[in-house]
Amino acid sequence: PWVESAHLVLLNVERILISGNRFD
């Protein structure tokens, strides 16, 4: 099995737009 991680991980970012996505 693979270790589960999040769909999206933000650790070091600025000015980001996340829009119109489906995370399942």
mmCIF file of all heavy atoms, coordinates in Angstrom:
data_MODEL
# 
_entry.id   MODEL 
# 
loop_
_atom_site.group_PDB 
_atom_site.id 
_atom_site.type_symbol 
_atom_site.label_atom_id 
_atom_site.label_alt_id 
_atom_site.label_comp_id 
_atom_site.label_asym_id 
_atom_site.label_entity_id 
_atom_site.label_seq_id 
_atom_site.pdbx_PDB_ins_code 
_atom_site.Cartn_x 
_atom_site.Cartn_y 
_atom_site.Cartn_z 
_atom_site.occupancy 
_atom_site.B_iso_or_equiv 
_atom_site.pdbx_formal_charge 
_atom_site.auth_seq_id 
_atom_site.auth_comp_id 
_atom_site.auth_asym_id 
_atom_site.auth_atom_id 
_atom_site.pdbx_PDB_model_num 
ATOM 1   N N   . PRO A 1 1  ? 0.821   -1.210 0.000   1.00 0.00 ? 1  PRO A N   1 
ATOM 2   C CA  . PRO A 1 1  ? 0.000   0.000  0.000   1.00 0.00 ? 1  PRO A CA  1 
ATOM 3   C C   . PRO A 1 1  ? 0.859   1.266  0.000   1.00 0.00 ? 1  PRO A C   1 
ATOM 4   O O   . PRO A 1 1  ? 1.959   1.265  0.515   1.00 0.00 ? 1  PRO A O   1 
ATOM 5   C CB  . PRO A 1 1  ? -0.786  -0.110 1.297   1.00 0.00 ? 1  PRO A CB  1 
ATOM 6   C CG  . PRO A 1 1  ? 0.075   -0.923 2.201   1.00 0.00 ? 1  PRO A CG  1 
ATOM 7   C CD  . PRO A 1 1  ? 0.812   -1.879 1.309   1.00 0.00 ? 1  PRO A CD  1 
ATOM 8   N N   . TRP A 1 2  ? 0.318   2.320  -0.585  1.00 0.00 ? 2  TRP A N   1 
ATOM 9   C CA  . TRP A 1 2  ? 1.016   3.589  -0.604  1.00 0.00 ? 2  TRP A CA  1 
ATOM 10  C C   . TRP A 1 2  ? 0.552   4.429  0.574   1.00 0.00 ? 2  TRP A C   1 
ATOM 11  O O   . TRP A 1 2  ? -0.609  4.406  0.954   1.00 0.00 ? 2  TRP A O   1 
ATOM 12  C CB  . TRP A 1 2  ? 0.732   4.328  -1.913  1.00 0.00 ? 2  TRP A CB  1 
ATOM 13  C CG  . TRP A 1 2  ? 1.477   3.699  -3.046  1.00 0.00 ? 2  TRP A CG  1 
ATOM 14  C CD1 . TRP A 1 2  ? 2.745   3.990  -3.436  1.00 0.00 ? 2  TRP A CD1 1 
ATOM 15  C CD2 . TRP A 1 2  ? 1.019   2.662  -3.905  1.00 0.00 ? 2  TRP A CD2 1 
ATOM 16  N NE1 . TRP A 1 2  ? 3.107   3.198  -4.496  1.00 0.00 ? 2  TRP A NE1 1 
ATOM 17  C CE2 . TRP A 1 2  ? 2.066   2.373  -4.800  1.00 0.00 ? 2  TRP A CE2 1 
ATOM 18  C CE3 . TRP A 1 2  ? -0.159  1.937  -4.004  1.00 0.00 ? 2  TRP A CE3 1 
ATOM 19  C CZ2 . TRP A 1 2  ? 1.963   1.402  -5.780  1.00 0.00 ? 2  TRP A CZ2 1 
ATOM 20  C CZ3 . TRP A 1 2  ? -0.264  0.970  -4.982  1.00 0.00 ? 2  TRP A CZ3 1 
ATOM 21  C CH2 . TRP A 1 2  ? 0.787   0.708  -5.854  1.00 0.00 ? 2  TRP A CH2 1 
ATOM 22  N N   . VAL A 1 3  ? 1.479   5.162  1.162   1.00 0.00 ? 3  VAL A N   1 
ATOM 23  C CA  . VAL A 1 3  ? 1.139   6.022  2.289   1.00 0.00 ? 3  VAL A CA  1 
ATOM 24  C C   . VAL A 1 3  ? 0.265   7.151  1.773   1.00 0.00 ? 3  VAL A C   1 
ATOM 25  O O   . VAL A 1 3  ? 0.600   7.828  0.813   1.00 0.00 ? 3  VAL A O   1 
ATOM 26  C CB  . VAL A 1 3  ? 2.411   6.584  2.960   1.00 0.00 ? 3  VAL A CB  1 
ATOM 27  C CG1 . VAL A 1 3  ? 2.048   7.572  4.050   1.00 0.00 ? 3  VAL A CG1 1 
ATOM 28  C CG2 . VAL A 1 3  ? 3.249   5.443  3.519   1.00 0.00 ? 3  VAL A CG2 1 
ATOM 29  N N   . GLU A 1 4  ? -0.855  7.336  2.425   1.00 0.00 ? 4  GLU A N   1 
ATOM 30  C CA  . GLU A 1 4  ? -1.821  8.344  2.005   1.00 0.00 ? 4  GLU A CA  1 
ATOM 31  C C   . GLU A 1 4  ? -1.290  9.728  2.328   1.00 0.00 ? 4  GLU A C   1 
ATOM 32  O O   . GLU A 1 4  ? -0.723  9.972  3.369   1.00 0.00 ? 4  GLU A O   1 
ATOM 33  C CB  . GLU A 1 4  ? -3.147  8.106  2.744   1.00 0.00 ? 4  GLU A CB  1 
ATOM 34  C CG  . GLU A 1 4  ? -4.330  8.778  2.122   1.00 0.00 ? 4  GLU A CG  1 
ATOM 35  C CD  . GLU A 1 4  ? -4.441  10.244 2.431   1.00 0.00 ? 4  GLU A CD  1 
ATOM 36  O OE1 . GLU A 1 4  ? -4.017  10.677 3.500   1.00 0.00 ? 4  GLU A OE1 1 
ATOM 37  O OE2 . GLU A 1 4  ? -4.961  10.976 1.574   1.00 0.00 ? 4  GLU A OE2 1 
ATOM 38  N N   . SER A 1 5  ? -1.460  10.629 1.404   1.00 0.00 ? 5  SER A N   1 
ATOM 39  C CA  . SER A 1 5  ? -1.126  12.023 1.624   1.00 0.00 ? 5  SER A CA  1 
ATOM 40  C C   . SER A 1 5  ? -2.273  12.862 1.078   1.00 0.00 ? 5  SER A C   1 
ATOM 41  O O   . SER A 1 5  ? -3.173  12.338 0.420   1.00 0.00 ? 5  SER A O   1 
ATOM 42  C CB  . SER A 1 5  ? 0.177   12.378 0.905   1.00 0.00 ? 5  SER A CB  1 
ATOM 43  O OG  . SER A 1 5  ? 0.528   13.706 1.184   1.00 0.00 ? 5  SER A OG  1 
ATOM 44  N N   . ALA A 1 6  ? -2.234  14.124 1.357   1.00 0.00 ? 6  ALA A N   1 
ATOM 45  C CA  . ALA A 1 6  ? -3.301  15.014 0.919   1.00 0.00 ? 6  ALA A CA  1 
ATOM 46  C C   . ALA A 1 6  ? -3.291  15.175 -0.597  1.00 0.00 ? 6  ALA A C   1 
ATOM 47  O O   . ALA A 1 6  ? -2.313  14.886 -1.269  1.00 0.00 ? 6  ALA A O   1 
ATOM 48  C CB  . ALA A 1 6  ? -3.132  16.378 1.583   1.00 0.00 ? 6  ALA A CB  1 
ATOM 49  N N   . HIS A 1 7  ? -4.407  15.669 -1.117  1.00 0.00 ? 7  HIS A N   1 
ATOM 50  C CA  . HIS A 1 7  ? -4.475  15.991 -2.543  1.00 0.00 ? 7  HIS A CA  1 
ATOM 51  C C   . HIS A 1 7  ? -3.581  17.170 -2.884  1.00 0.00 ? 7  HIS A C   1 
ATOM 52  O O   . HIS A 1 7  ? -2.943  17.210 -3.924  1.00 0.00 ? 7  HIS A O   1 
ATOM 53  C CB  . HIS A 1 7  ? -5.915  16.339 -2.937  1.00 0.00 ? 7  HIS A CB  1 
ATOM 54  C CG  . HIS A 1 7  ? -6.841  15.186 -2.873  1.00 0.00 ? 7  HIS A CG  1 
ATOM 55  N ND1 . HIS A 1 7  ? -7.872  15.139 -1.972  1.00 0.00 ? 7  HIS A ND1 1 
ATOM 56  C CD2 . HIS A 1 7  ? -6.897  14.035 -3.563  1.00 0.00 ? 7  HIS A CD2 1 
ATOM 57  C CE1 . HIS A 1 7  ? -8.538  14.004 -2.140  1.00 0.00 ? 7  HIS A CE1 1 
ATOM 58  N NE2 . HIS A 1 7  ? -7.955  13.313 -3.099  1.00 0.00 ? 7  HIS A NE2 1 
ATOM 59  N N   . LEU A 1 8  ? -3.573  18.156 -2.005  1.00 0.00 ? 8  LEU A N   1 
ATOM 60  C CA  . LEU A 1 8  ? -2.823  19.378 -2.260  1.00 0.00 ? 8  LEU A CA  1 
ATOM 61  C C   . LEU A 1 8  ? -2.169  19.821 -0.959  1.00 0.00 ? 8  LEU A C   1 
ATOM 62  O O   . LEU A 1 8  ? -2.850  19.996 0.048   1.00 0.00 ? 8  LEU A O   1 
ATOM 63  C CB  . LEU A 1 8  ? -3.766  20.466 -2.782  1.00 0.00 ? 8  LEU A CB  1 
ATOM 64  C CG  . LEU A 1 8  ? -3.139  21.773 -3.228  1.00 0.00 ? 8  LEU A CG  1 
ATOM 65  C CD1 . LEU A 1 8  ? -2.239  21.551 -4.440  1.00 0.00 ? 8  LEU A CD1 1 
ATOM 66  C CD2 . LEU A 1 8  ? -4.219  22.789 -3.565  1.00 0.00 ? 8  LEU A CD2 1 
ATOM 67  N N   . VAL A 1 9  ? -0.850  19.980 -0.976  1.00 0.00 ? 9  VAL A N   1 
ATOM 68  C CA  . VAL A 1 9  ? -0.095  20.391 0.201   1.00 0.00 ? 9  VAL A CA  1 
ATOM 69  C C   . VAL A 1 9  ? 0.661   21.670 -0.136  1.00 0.00 ? 9  VAL A C   1 
ATOM 70  O O   . VAL A 1 9  ? 1.466   21.692 -1.066  1.00 0.00 ? 9  VAL A O   1 
ATOM 71  C CB  . VAL A 1 9  ? 0.916   19.298 0.628   1.00 0.00 ? 9  VAL A CB  1 
ATOM 72  C CG1 . VAL A 1 9  ? 1.691   19.739 1.862   1.00 0.00 ? 9  VAL A CG1 1 
ATOM 73  C CG2 . VAL A 1 9  ? 0.204   17.975 0.880   1.00 0.00 ? 9  VAL A CG2 1 
ATOM 74  N N   . LEU A 1 10 ? 0.384   22.725 0.600   1.00 0.00 ? 10 LEU A N   1 
ATOM 75  C CA  . LEU A 1 10 ? 1.073   24.004 0.398   1.00 0.00 ? 10 LEU A CA  1 
ATOM 76  C C   . LEU A 1 10 ? 1.985   24.247 1.593   1.00 0.00 ? 10 LEU A C   1 
ATOM 77  O O   . LEU A 1 10 ? 1.518   24.457 2.704   1.00 0.00 ? 10 LEU A O   1 
ATOM 78  C CB  . LEU A 1 10 ? 0.067   25.143 0.250   1.00 0.00 ? 10 LEU A CB  1 
ATOM 79  C CG  . LEU A 1 10 ? -0.948  25.003 -0.885  1.00 0.00 ? 10 LEU A CG  1 
ATOM 80  C CD1 . LEU A 1 10 ? -1.889  26.196 -0.906  1.00 0.00 ? 10 LEU A CD1 1 
ATOM 81  C CD2 . LEU A 1 10 ? -0.254  24.834 -2.220  1.00 0.00 ? 10 LEU A CD2 1 
ATOM 82  N N   . LEU A 1 11 ? 3.308   24.209 1.350   1.00 0.00 ? 11 LEU A N   1 
ATOM 83  C CA  . LEU A 1 11 ? 4.299   24.361 2.405   1.00 0.00 ? 11 LEU A CA  1 
ATOM 84  C C   . LEU A 1 11 ? 5.050   25.685 2.334   1.00 0.00 ? 11 LEU A C   1 
ATOM 85  O O   . LEU A 1 11 ? 5.571   26.155 3.338   1.00 0.00 ? 11 LEU A O   1 
ATOM 86  C CB  . LEU A 1 11 ? 5.324   23.222 2.339   1.00 0.00 ? 11 LEU A CB  1 
ATOM 87  C CG  . LEU A 1 11 ? 4.769   21.806 2.434   1.00 0.00 ? 11 LEU A CG  1 
ATOM 88  C CD1 . LEU A 1 11 ? 5.881   20.792 2.201   1.00 0.00 ? 11 LEU A CD1 1 
ATOM 89  C CD2 . LEU A 1 11 ? 4.103   21.576 3.768   1.00 0.00 ? 11 LEU A CD2 1 
ATOM 90  N N   . ASN A 1 12 ? 5.142   26.267 1.150   1.00 0.00 ? 12 ASN A N   1 
ATOM 91  C CA  . ASN A 1 12 ? 5.909   27.496 0.962   1.00 0.00 ? 12 ASN A CA  1 
ATOM 92  C C   . ASN A 1 12 ? 5.447   28.145 -0.339  1.00 0.00 ? 12 ASN A C   1 
ATOM 93  O O   . ASN A 1 12 ? 6.017   27.900 -1.397  1.00 0.00 ? 12 ASN A O   1 
ATOM 94  C CB  . ASN A 1 12 ? 7.406   27.175 0.918   1.00 0.00 ? 12 ASN A CB  1 
ATOM 95  C CG  . ASN A 1 12 ? 8.256   28.417 0.886   1.00 0.00 ? 12 ASN A CG  1 
ATOM 96  O OD1 . ASN A 1 12 ? 7.843   29.486 1.317   1.00 0.00 ? 12 ASN A OD1 1 
ATOM 97  N ND2 . ASN A 1 12 ? 9.460   28.287 0.369   1.00 0.00 ? 12 ASN A ND2 1 
ATOM 98  N N   . VAL A 1 13 ? 4.408   28.965 -0.261  1.00 0.00 ? 13 VAL A N   1 
ATOM 99  C CA  . VAL A 1 13 ? 3.820   29.537 -1.465  1.00 0.00 ? 13 VAL A CA  1 
ATOM 100 C C   . VAL A 1 13 ? 3.156   30.877 -1.125  1.00 0.00 ? 13 VAL A C   1 
ATOM 101 O O   . VAL A 1 13 ? 2.709   31.083 0.008   1.00 0.00 ? 13 VAL A O   1 
ATOM 102 C CB  . VAL A 1 13 ? 2.788   28.557 -2.085  1.00 0.00 ? 13 VAL A CB  1 
ATOM 103 C CG1 . VAL A 1 13 ? 1.600   28.355 -1.174  1.00 0.00 ? 13 VAL A CG1 1 
ATOM 104 C CG2 . VAL A 1 13 ? 2.362   28.989 -3.464  1.00 0.00 ? 13 VAL A CG2 1 
ATOM 105 N N   . GLU A 1 14 ? 3.111   31.748 -2.107  1.00 0.00 ? 14 GLU A N   1 
ATOM 106 C CA  . GLU A 1 14 ? 2.342   32.979 -1.938  1.00 0.00 ? 14 GLU A CA  1 
ATOM 107 C C   . GLU A 1 14 ? 1.666   33.333 -3.260  1.00 0.00 ? 14 GLU A C   1 
ATOM 108 O O   . GLU A 1 14 ? 2.153   32.999 -4.333  1.00 0.00 ? 14 GLU A O   1 
ATOM 109 C CB  . GLU A 1 14 ? 3.195   34.129 -1.428  1.00 0.00 ? 14 GLU A CB  1 
ATOM 110 C CG  . GLU A 1 14 ? 4.304   34.586 -2.334  1.00 0.00 ? 14 GLU A CG  1 
ATOM 111 C CD  . GLU A 1 14 ? 5.165   35.671 -1.708  1.00 0.00 ? 14 GLU A CD  1 
ATOM 112 O OE1 . GLU A 1 14 ? 4.945   36.046 -0.553  1.00 0.00 ? 14 GLU A OE1 1 
ATOM 113 O OE2 . GLU A 1 14 ? 6.066   36.145 -2.406  1.00 0.00 ? 14 GLU A OE2 1 
ATOM 114 N N   . ARG A 1 15 ? 0.518   33.969 -3.131  1.00 0.00 ? 15 ARG A N   1 
ATOM 115 C CA  . ARG A 1 15 ? -0.294  34.360 -4.279  1.00 0.00 ? 15 ARG A CA  1 
ATOM 116 C C   . ARG A 1 15 ? -0.622  33.148 -5.154  1.00 0.00 ? 15 ARG A C   1 
ATOM 117 O O   . ARG A 1 15 ? -0.134  33.008 -6.272  1.00 0.00 ? 15 ARG A O   1 
ATOM 118 C CB  . ARG A 1 15 ? 0.384   35.475 -5.086  1.00 0.00 ? 15 ARG A CB  1 
ATOM 119 C CG  . ARG A 1 15 ? 0.554   36.751 -4.297  1.00 0.00 ? 15 ARG A CG  1 
ATOM 120 C CD  . ARG A 1 15 ? 1.100   37.888 -5.118  1.00 0.00 ? 15 ARG A CD  1 
ATOM 121 N NE  . ARG A 1 15 ? 2.311   37.607 -5.861  1.00 0.00 ? 15 ARG A NE  1 
ATOM 122 C CZ  . ARG A 1 15 ? 3.542   37.730 -5.384  1.00 0.00 ? 15 ARG A CZ  1 
ATOM 123 N NH1 . ARG A 1 15 ? 3.731   38.132 -4.140  1.00 0.00 ? 15 ARG A NH1 1 
ATOM 124 N NH2 . ARG A 1 15 ? 4.584   37.462 -6.150  1.00 0.00 ? 15 ARG A NH2 1 
ATOM 125 N N   . ILE A 1 16 ? -1.494  32.299 -4.627  1.00 0.00 ? 16 ILE A N   1 
ATOM 126 C CA  . ILE A 1 16 ? -1.910  31.104 -5.363  1.00 0.00 ? 16 ILE A CA  1 
ATOM 127 C C   . ILE A 1 16 ? -3.429  31.083 -5.477  1.00 0.00 ? 16 ILE A C   1 
ATOM 128 O O   . ILE A 1 16 ? -4.143  31.407 -4.524  1.00 0.00 ? 16 ILE A O   1 
ATOM 129 C CB  . ILE A 1 16 ? -1.388  29.804 -4.717  1.00 0.00 ? 16 ILE A CB  1 
ATOM 130 C CG1 . ILE A 1 16 ? -1.785  28.586 -5.561  1.00 0.00 ? 16 ILE A CG1 1 
ATOM 131 C CG2 . ILE A 1 16 ? -1.835  29.651 -3.281  1.00 0.00 ? 16 ILE A CG2 1 
ATOM 132 C CD1 . ILE A 1 16 ? -1.069  27.306 -5.185  1.00 0.00 ? 16 ILE A CD1 1 
ATOM 133 N N   . LEU A 1 17 ? -3.907  30.704 -6.656  1.00 0.00 ? 17 LEU A N   1 
ATOM 134 C CA  . LEU A 1 17 ? -5.334  30.551 -6.921  1.00 0.00 ? 17 LEU A CA  1 
ATOM 135 C C   . LEU A 1 17 ? -5.602  29.075 -7.209  1.00 0.00 ? 17 LEU A C   1 
ATOM 136 O O   . LEU A 1 17 ? -5.006  28.500 -8.126  1.00 0.00 ? 17 LEU A O   1 
ATOM 137 C CB  . LEU A 1 17 ? -5.757  31.402 -8.124  1.00 0.00 ? 17 LEU A CB  1 
ATOM 138 C CG  . LEU A 1 17 ? -7.185  31.182 -8.643  1.00 0.00 ? 17 LEU A CG  1 
ATOM 139 C CD1 . LEU A 1 17 ? -8.212  31.565 -7.579  1.00 0.00 ? 17 LEU A CD1 1 
ATOM 140 C CD2 . LEU A 1 17 ? -7.403  31.965 -9.925  1.00 0.00 ? 17 LEU A CD2 1 
ATOM 141 N N   . ILE A 1 18 ? -6.486  28.481 -6.422  1.00 0.00 ? 18 ILE A N   1 
ATOM 142 C CA  . ILE A 1 18 ? -6.911  27.098 -6.613  1.00 0.00 ? 18 ILE A CA  1 
ATOM 143 C C   . ILE A 1 18 ? -8.409  27.167 -6.876  1.00 0.00 ? 18 ILE A C   1 
ATOM 144 O O   . ILE A 1 18 ? -9.184  27.498 -5.979  1.00 0.00 ? 18 ILE A O   1 
ATOM 145 C CB  . ILE A 1 18 ? -6.609  26.235 -5.377  1.00 0.00 ? 18 ILE A CB  1 
ATOM 146 C CG1 . ILE A 1 18 ? -5.113  26.278 -5.061  1.00 0.00 ? 18 ILE A CG1 1 
ATOM 147 C CG2 . ILE A 1 18 ? -7.065  24.804 -5.585  1.00 0.00 ? 18 ILE A CG2 1 
ATOM 148 C CD1 . ILE A 1 18 ? -4.813  26.542 -3.638  1.00 0.00 ? 18 ILE A CD1 1 
ATOM 149 N N   . SER A 1 19 ? -8.825  26.904 -8.117  1.00 0.00 ? 19 SER A N   1 
ATOM 150 C CA  . SER A 1 19 ? -10.221 27.123 -8.474  1.00 0.00 ? 19 SER A CA  1 
ATOM 151 C C   . SER A 1 19 ? -10.712 26.106 -9.502  1.00 0.00 ? 19 SER A C   1 
ATOM 152 O O   . SER A 1 19 ? -9.977  25.718 -10.412 1.00 0.00 ? 19 SER A O   1 
ATOM 153 C CB  . SER A 1 19 ? -10.386 28.535 -9.047  1.00 0.00 ? 19 SER A CB  1 
ATOM 154 O OG  . SER A 1 19 ? -11.734 28.789 -9.391  1.00 0.00 ? 19 SER A OG  1 
ATOM 155 N N   . GLY A 1 20 ? -11.980 25.696 -9.345  1.00 0.00 ? 20 GLY A N   1 
ATOM 156 C CA  . GLY A 1 20 ? -12.634 24.835 -10.326 1.00 0.00 ? 20 GLY A CA  1 
ATOM 157 C C   . GLY A 1 20 ? -12.161 23.391 -10.311 1.00 0.00 ? 20 GLY A C   1 
ATOM 158 O O   . GLY A 1 20 ? -12.353 22.666 -11.278 1.00 0.00 ? 20 GLY A O   1 
ATOM 159 N N   . ASN A 1 21 ? -11.561 22.945 -9.215  1.00 0.00 ? 21 ASN A N   1 
ATOM 160 C CA  . ASN A 1 21 ? -11.008 21.594 -9.130  1.00 0.00 ? 21 ASN A CA  1 
ATOM 161 C C   . ASN A 1 21 ? -11.947 20.667 -8.361  1.00 0.00 ? 21 ASN A C   1 
ATOM 162 O O   . ASN A 1 21 ? -12.769 21.113 -7.564  1.00 0.00 ? 21 ASN A O   1 
ATOM 163 C CB  . ASN A 1 21 ? -9.659  21.622 -8.405  1.00 0.00 ? 21 ASN A CB  1 
ATOM 164 C CG  . ASN A 1 21 ? -8.685  22.539 -9.092  1.00 0.00 ? 21 ASN A CG  1 
ATOM 165 O OD1 . ASN A 1 21 ? -8.202  22.239 -10.162 1.00 0.00 ? 21 ASN A OD1 1 
ATOM 166 N ND2 . ASN A 1 21 ? -8.415  23.694 -8.477  1.00 0.00 ? 21 ASN A ND2 1 
ATOM 167 N N   . ARG A 1 22 ? -11.787 19.369 -8.597  1.00 0.00 ? 22 ARG A N   1 
ATOM 168 C CA  . ARG A 1 22 ? -12.463 18.357 -7.785  1.00 0.00 ? 22 ARG A CA  1 
ATOM 169 C C   . ARG A 1 22 ? -11.393 17.485 -7.152  1.00 0.00 ? 22 ARG A C   1 
ATOM 170 O O   . ARG A 1 22 ? -10.533 16.940 -7.843  1.00 0.00 ? 22 ARG A O   1 
ATOM 171 C CB  . ARG A 1 22 ? -13.405 17.496 -8.614  1.00 0.00 ? 22 ARG A CB  1 
ATOM 172 C CG  . ARG A 1 22 ? -14.086 16.451 -7.741  1.00 0.00 ? 22 ARG A CG  1 
ATOM 173 C CD  . ARG A 1 22 ? -15.135 15.683 -8.467  1.00 0.00 ? 22 ARG A CD  1 
ATOM 174 N NE  . ARG A 1 22 ? -15.651 14.643 -7.593  1.00 0.00 ? 22 ARG A NE  1 
ATOM 175 C CZ  . ARG A 1 22 ? -16.443 13.685 -7.989  1.00 0.00 ? 22 ARG A CZ  1 
ATOM 176 N NH1 . ARG A 1 22 ? -16.843 13.638 -9.245  1.00 0.00 ? 22 ARG A NH1 1 
ATOM 177 N NH2 . ARG A 1 22 ? -16.855 12.779 -7.140  1.00 0.00 ? 22 ARG A NH2 1 
ATOM 178 N N   . PHE A 1 23 ? -11.444 17.368 -5.823  1.00 0.00 ? 23 PHE A N   1 
ATOM 179 C CA  . PHE A 1 23 ? -10.517 16.545 -5.051  1.00 0.00 ? 23 PHE A CA  1 
ATOM 180 C C   . PHE A 1 23 ? -11.319 15.381 -4.484  1.00 0.00 ? 23 PHE A C   1 
ATOM 181 O O   . PHE A 1 23 ? -12.258 15.585 -3.719  1.00 0.00 ? 23 PHE A O   1 
ATOM 182 C CB  . PHE A 1 23 ? -9.892  17.378 -3.932  1.00 0.00 ? 23 PHE A CB  1 
ATOM 183 C CG  . PHE A 1 23 ? -9.144  18.591 -4.434  1.00 0.00 ? 23 PHE A CG  1 
ATOM 184 C CD1 . PHE A 1 23 ? -9.755  19.833 -4.483  1.00 0.00 ? 23 PHE A CD1 1 
ATOM 185 C CD2 . PHE A 1 23 ? -7.839  18.475 -4.868  1.00 0.00 ? 23 PHE A CD2 1 
ATOM 186 C CE1 . PHE A 1 23 ? -9.074  20.955 -4.939  1.00 0.00 ? 23 PHE A CE1 1 
ATOM 187 C CE2 . PHE A 1 23 ? -7.138  19.594 -5.327  1.00 0.00 ? 23 PHE A CE2 1 
ATOM 188 C CZ  . PHE A 1 23 ? -7.754  20.832 -5.366  1.00 0.00 ? 23 PHE A CZ  1 
ATOM 189 N N   . ASP A 1 24 ? -10.931 14.148 -4.839  1.00 0.00 ? 24 ASP A N   1 
ATOM 190 C CA  . ASP A 1 24 ? -11.763 12.986 -4.539  1.00 0.00 ? 24 ASP A CA  1 
ATOM 191 C C   . ASP A 1 24 ? -10.961 11.858 -3.878  1.00 0.00 ? 24 ASP A C   1 
ATOM 192 O O   . ASP A 1 24 ? -9.950  11.428 -4.418  1.00 0.00 ? 24 ASP A O   1 
ATOM 193 C CB  . ASP A 1 24 ? -12.376 12.490 -5.860  1.00 0.00 ? 24 ASP A CB  1 
ATOM 194 C CG  . ASP A 1 24 ? -13.392 11.386 -5.674  1.00 0.00 ? 24 ASP A CG  1 
ATOM 195 O OD1 . ASP A 1 24 ? -14.104 11.382 -4.658  1.00 0.00 ? 24 ASP A OD1 1 
ATOM 196 O OD2 . ASP A 1 24 ? -13.463 10.524 -6.568  1.00 0.00 ? 24 ASP A OD2 1 
# 
